[in-house]
Protein backbone atom coordinates (compact mmCIF):
# COMPACT_ATOMS: atom_id res chain seq x y z
CA MET A 1 114.68 72.85 135.81
CA ALA A 2 112.78 70.20 137.76
CA ILE A 3 109.63 70.32 139.89
CA LYS A 4 109.57 67.80 142.71
CA VAL A 5 106.04 66.72 143.69
CA TYR A 6 105.88 65.02 147.10
CA LYS A 7 104.04 61.79 147.82
CA LYS A 8 100.61 62.10 149.46
CA ASN A 9 101.77 60.48 152.72
CA ALA A 10 100.50 63.35 154.92
CA ALA A 11 97.90 66.11 154.71
CA GLY A 12 100.60 68.79 154.38
CA ARG A 13 102.33 66.89 151.57
CA ARG A 14 99.21 66.55 149.39
CA ASN A 15 99.73 68.60 146.19
CA MET A 16 102.92 70.08 147.68
CA SER A 17 105.81 70.75 145.29
CA ILE A 18 109.15 72.53 145.18
CA VAL A 19 111.17 73.90 142.27
CA LYS A 20 114.73 72.61 141.90
CA PRO A 21 116.53 74.81 139.33
CA ASP A 22 119.34 73.10 137.43
CA GLN A 23 121.38 76.31 137.47
CA VAL A 24 121.92 76.36 141.25
CA THR A 25 125.45 75.37 142.25
CA VAL A 26 125.37 72.35 144.56
CA GLY A 27 126.79 73.12 148.02
CA ALA A 28 127.26 76.84 147.28
CA MET A 29 127.65 79.06 150.36
CA PRO A 30 126.79 82.78 150.23
CA GLU A 31 129.63 85.29 150.04
CA LYS A 32 129.99 86.64 153.61
CA SER A 33 131.24 90.08 152.53
CA LEU A 34 127.99 90.65 150.59
CA LEU A 35 125.60 89.70 153.44
CA ARG A 36 123.77 92.22 155.63
CA VAL A 37 121.49 91.83 158.67
CA ILE A 38 117.73 92.27 158.16
CA LYS A 39 115.92 93.76 161.15
CA GLN A 40 112.63 91.99 161.88
CA ASN A 41 109.80 94.51 162.29
CA ALA A 42 106.92 92.02 162.15
CA GLY A 43 104.47 94.67 160.88
CA ARG A 44 104.48 96.62 164.15
CA SER A 45 105.10 100.25 165.00
CA ASN A 46 105.52 101.32 168.64
CA GLY A 47 104.33 97.87 169.68
CA LYS A 48 101.05 98.10 167.75
CA ILE A 49 100.13 96.22 164.55
CA SER A 50 100.50 98.61 161.61
CA VAL A 51 100.53 95.95 158.83
CA ARG A 52 98.38 92.86 159.28
CA HIS A 53 99.41 89.28 158.51
CA GLN A 54 103.14 89.83 159.06
CA GLY A 55 105.42 88.32 161.69
CA GLY A 56 107.61 85.37 162.52
CA GLY A 57 109.41 83.71 159.65
CA HIS A 58 112.85 82.20 159.32
CA LYS A 59 115.90 84.36 159.96
CA ARG A 60 117.29 85.77 156.72
CA ARG A 61 120.26 87.87 155.65
CA TYR A 62 120.11 90.32 152.78
CA ARG A 63 122.32 89.76 149.74
CA LEU A 64 123.76 92.97 148.29
CA VAL A 65 122.78 92.74 144.62
CA ASP A 66 124.51 94.97 142.06
CA PHE A 67 121.60 96.35 140.03
CA ARG A 68 123.71 99.01 138.28
CA GLN A 69 126.54 96.73 137.10
CA ASP A 70 128.67 99.83 136.55
CA LYS A 71 132.02 98.01 136.21
CA HIS A 72 132.10 98.71 132.50
CA ASP A 73 134.42 96.78 130.17
CA ILE A 74 135.81 94.73 133.08
CA PRO A 75 135.11 91.01 132.46
CA GLY A 76 133.62 89.04 135.30
CA LYS A 77 133.47 85.28 135.72
CA ILE A 78 130.45 83.57 137.29
CA SER A 79 131.73 81.43 140.16
CA GLN A 80 128.39 80.16 141.50
CA ILE A 81 124.62 80.57 141.13
CA GLU A 82 122.53 80.66 144.31
CA ARG A 83 119.01 80.99 145.61
CA ASP A 84 118.14 84.28 147.30
CA PRO A 85 115.61 84.13 150.17
CA ASN A 86 114.67 87.76 149.52
CA ARG A 87 113.59 87.41 145.87
CA SER A 88 112.12 84.89 143.44
CA ALA A 89 114.96 85.06 140.89
CA LEU A 90 118.31 83.33 141.27
CA ILE A 91 121.47 85.37 141.82
CA ALA A 92 124.96 84.83 140.41
CA LEU A 93 128.23 85.58 142.20
CA VAL A 94 130.57 87.33 139.77
CA ASN A 95 134.36 87.49 140.28
CA TYR A 96 135.79 90.45 138.36
CA LYS A 97 139.35 90.58 137.07
CA ASP A 98 140.24 93.39 139.49
CA GLY A 99 139.43 91.03 142.42
CA GLU A 100 136.03 92.44 143.40
CA LYS A 101 133.03 90.17 143.95
CA ARG A 102 129.42 91.17 143.29
CA TYR A 103 126.00 89.53 143.10
CA VAL A 104 123.88 90.08 139.98
CA ILE A 105 120.42 88.86 138.94
CA ALA A 106 120.96 85.59 137.05
CA THR A 107 119.42 85.13 133.61
CA SER A 108 118.04 81.80 132.40
CA GLY A 109 121.07 81.10 130.19
CA MET A 110 123.80 81.84 132.75
CA LYS A 111 126.24 79.06 133.64
CA VAL A 112 129.10 78.69 136.11
CA GLY A 113 132.37 79.62 134.44
CA GLN A 114 130.72 81.98 131.95
CA GLU A 115 132.24 85.44 131.45
CA ILE A 116 129.89 88.43 131.40
CA LEU A 117 130.49 92.04 130.42
CA SER A 118 128.82 95.37 130.99
CA GLY A 119 129.43 98.39 128.79
CA THR A 120 128.35 100.40 125.78
CA THR A 121 129.86 98.10 123.13
CA VAL A 122 129.75 94.49 124.31
CA PRO A 123 128.63 91.30 122.52
CA VAL A 124 124.89 90.60 122.47
CA VAL A 125 125.18 87.48 124.63
CA ASP A 126 122.88 86.19 127.39
CA GLY A 127 123.93 87.84 130.67
CA ASN A 128 125.76 90.83 129.19
CA ARG A 129 124.52 94.33 130.02
CA MET A 130 124.50 97.22 127.57
CA LYS A 131 122.68 100.36 126.46
CA LEU A 132 119.25 99.94 124.87
CA SER A 133 120.42 101.95 121.85
CA ASN A 134 123.04 99.26 121.07
CA ILE A 135 120.71 96.25 121.44
CA PRO A 136 119.17 94.85 118.21
CA ALA A 137 115.39 95.12 117.84
CA GLY A 138 113.47 91.99 118.84
CA THR A 139 115.93 91.02 121.58
CA ILE A 140 114.61 89.59 124.87
CA ILE A 141 115.84 91.78 127.75
CA SER A 142 115.48 92.04 131.53
CA CYS A 143 116.62 94.20 134.50
CA VAL A 144 115.66 97.33 132.55
CA GLU A 145 116.68 100.78 133.71
CA MET A 146 114.00 103.48 133.44
CA ARG A 147 116.07 106.50 134.45
CA ILE A 148 119.73 106.90 133.51
CA GLY A 149 122.03 105.75 136.30
CA ARG A 150 119.32 104.22 138.50
CA GLY A 151 120.18 100.59 137.72
CA ALA A 152 117.70 97.77 137.09
CA GLN A 153 114.23 99.00 138.09
CA ILE A 154 111.74 96.78 136.24
CA VAL A 155 111.63 93.20 134.86
CA ARG A 156 113.54 91.68 137.78
CA SER A 157 111.32 88.86 139.11
CA ALA A 158 111.64 85.16 138.29
CA GLY A 159 110.91 84.27 134.66
CA SER A 160 110.04 87.83 133.63
CA SER A 161 111.23 89.40 130.38
CA ALA A 162 110.58 92.30 128.04
CA THR A 163 111.10 92.77 124.31
CA LEU A 164 112.93 95.64 122.64
CA MET A 165 110.61 96.56 119.77
CA ALA A 166 112.40 99.43 118.02
CA LEU A 167 114.35 102.69 118.37
CA ASP A 168 112.76 105.99 117.30
CA GLU A 169 114.44 109.01 115.69
CA ALA A 170 114.90 110.69 119.09
CA GLY A 171 116.99 107.76 120.33
CA ARG A 172 114.29 106.36 122.58
CA ALA A 173 113.65 102.63 122.85
CA GLN A 174 110.17 101.10 122.56
CA VAL A 175 110.04 98.31 125.15
CA LYS A 176 107.13 95.86 125.32
CA LEU A 177 106.50 94.61 128.86
CA ALA A 178 104.87 91.34 129.92
CA SER A 179 101.59 93.17 130.65
CA GLY A 180 101.32 94.21 126.99
CA GLU A 181 102.28 97.80 127.74
CA VAL A 182 104.67 99.42 125.26
CA ARG A 183 106.77 102.11 126.94
CA LEU A 184 109.32 104.63 125.70
CA ILE A 185 112.64 104.49 127.57
CA SER A 186 115.79 106.50 126.89
CA GLY A 187 118.29 104.67 124.67
CA GLU A 188 121.01 105.63 127.16
CA CYS A 189 119.46 103.36 129.80
CA PHE A 190 120.96 99.91 130.34
CA ALA A 191 119.34 96.47 130.16
CA THR A 192 120.52 92.87 130.52
CA ILE A 193 120.30 90.44 127.60
CA GLY A 194 118.07 87.42 128.29
CA GLN A 195 115.16 86.32 130.47
CA VAL A 196 115.33 86.29 134.28
CA SER A 197 116.11 82.86 135.75
CA ASN A 198 113.85 80.48 137.72
CA PHE A 199 110.93 80.54 135.25
CA GLU A 200 109.11 77.67 137.04
CA HIS A 201 108.82 79.63 140.29
CA GLY A 202 105.11 80.29 139.67
CA ALA A 203 104.35 76.57 139.38
CA GLU A 204 105.41 75.86 142.97
CA ARG A 205 102.64 74.74 145.37
CA ILE A 206 102.94 75.74 149.02
CA GLY A 207 101.00 72.65 150.21
CA LYS A 208 100.72 73.62 153.88
CA ALA A 209 100.31 76.70 156.04
CA GLY A 210 103.67 76.16 157.72
CA ARG A 211 105.61 77.09 154.58
CA SER A 212 103.88 80.47 154.56
CA ARG A 213 104.78 80.96 158.21
CA TRP A 214 108.44 80.30 157.36
CA LYS A 215 108.20 83.24 154.96
CA GLY A 216 106.83 85.54 157.67
CA LYS A 217 103.19 85.43 156.52
CA ARG A 218 100.60 85.12 159.30
CA PRO A 219 97.03 83.81 158.86
CA ALA A 220 94.36 85.97 157.23
CA VAL A 221 90.74 85.79 158.40
CA ARG A 222 87.88 86.49 155.97
CA GLY A 223 85.81 89.55 156.78
CA SER A 224 82.53 87.67 156.18
CA VAL A 225 83.15 85.44 159.22
CA MET A 226 83.80 88.39 161.56
CA ASN A 227 81.34 90.35 163.65
CA PRO A 228 79.86 93.63 162.32
CA VAL A 229 82.01 95.58 164.78
CA ASP A 230 85.18 94.11 163.28
CA HIS A 231 84.52 94.28 159.53
CA PRO A 232 81.94 95.79 157.11
CA HIS A 233 81.33 92.29 155.70
CA GLY A 234 80.68 90.77 159.13
CA GLY A 235 77.46 89.69 160.81
CA GLY A 236 74.50 87.56 159.79
CA GLU A 237 73.60 83.94 160.44
CA GLY A 238 75.62 81.39 158.49
CA CYS A 239 77.15 82.27 155.15
CA GLN A 240 75.65 85.63 154.16
CA PRO A 241 76.43 87.99 151.24
CA ILE A 242 78.28 91.20 152.10
CA GLY A 243 75.15 93.33 151.53
CA LEU A 244 77.14 96.23 150.03
CA LYS A 245 77.51 97.71 146.55
CA ALA A 246 81.22 96.89 146.57
CA PRO A 247 83.58 94.88 148.80
CA LYS A 248 85.20 96.96 151.54
CA THR A 249 88.42 96.86 153.51
CA PRO A 250 88.25 96.53 157.32
CA TRP A 251 88.40 100.34 157.42
CA GLY A 252 85.45 100.88 155.07
CA LYS A 253 87.28 101.75 151.85
CA ILE A 254 86.52 100.09 148.49
CA ALA A 255 88.64 96.95 148.22
CA LEU A 256 88.26 95.59 144.66
CA GLY A 257 88.05 97.48 141.38
CA LYS A 258 89.04 100.84 142.88
CA LYS A 259 92.00 102.38 141.05
CA THR A 260 94.67 103.27 143.59
CA ARG A 261 97.67 103.83 141.33
CA LYS A 262 98.89 107.43 141.38
CA ARG A 263 101.11 108.39 138.48
CA LYS A 264 102.37 111.77 137.40
CA LYS A 265 101.06 113.04 134.06
CA ALA A 266 104.65 113.15 132.80
CA SER A 267 104.86 109.35 133.12
CA ASN A 268 101.82 108.74 130.89
CA GLN A 269 103.37 110.47 127.89
CA TYR A 270 105.94 107.66 127.61
CA ILE A 271 103.28 104.95 127.27
CA LEU A 272 102.61 104.16 123.60
CA LYS A 273 100.21 101.31 124.32
CA ALA A 274 98.37 100.73 127.60
CA ARG A 275 98.60 97.38 129.33
CA ALA A 276 95.86 94.84 128.65
CA LYS A 277 92.82 95.10 130.93
CA LYS A 278 91.71 92.06 132.91
CA ARG A 279 88.41 90.50 131.90
CA LYS A 280 85.76 90.57 134.62
């Protein structure tokens, strides 16, 4: 893994950097049979803006990623590792012995030419996928399934990982997530051995506004510089405080500190330890 920092020969290059993962296969082209068209909506509905700050961006095609990896006990060989414009993690193209090709989320230890397996009784090797009940305690895992048969649902972004703490008498696994939360998950659910690839993704510096525009992100204007008619924070001469008990959205709702997460009570019973709270 290498981070290339550009020379300060232009304003847009100052503090600009890109991540160059060593895992990526040089000159690799995406598998055409696994590409799909992405329709550009640009945050509009019936011609009107429904989601702000979206639009433009480079043309992309979606890569069909196999999150279930349900080809059990059929060995697959990694032919190439690629970047995916739709996610932060790298993806690996797997050629199975029956001739089928599939994309999977690449782990940090995956290499071209490596064989991976998915099943109930497979070796505990980086990249293999197996049931939580068969994974030794203390193992680093990723692409964790939360409901049986759903495929990888959590721990899928670049550099993320979870730790399998223990198995209880009921056959449920205690999984510690990066947030500090310890959650009970059925031992019949599957998980991939190892940490997700592209750990240095968070160290990348955009450097200039144009790189955000390539990603389809449009400019955002601060509410404090708007007029009172446009935003609750607007108005006043010069730089003025918001004059409210709490920051508000453009539509008058509380913006920061308001809990918006809605979870069913049944979900809370599987949390053994709540995630760490952020210090104010």
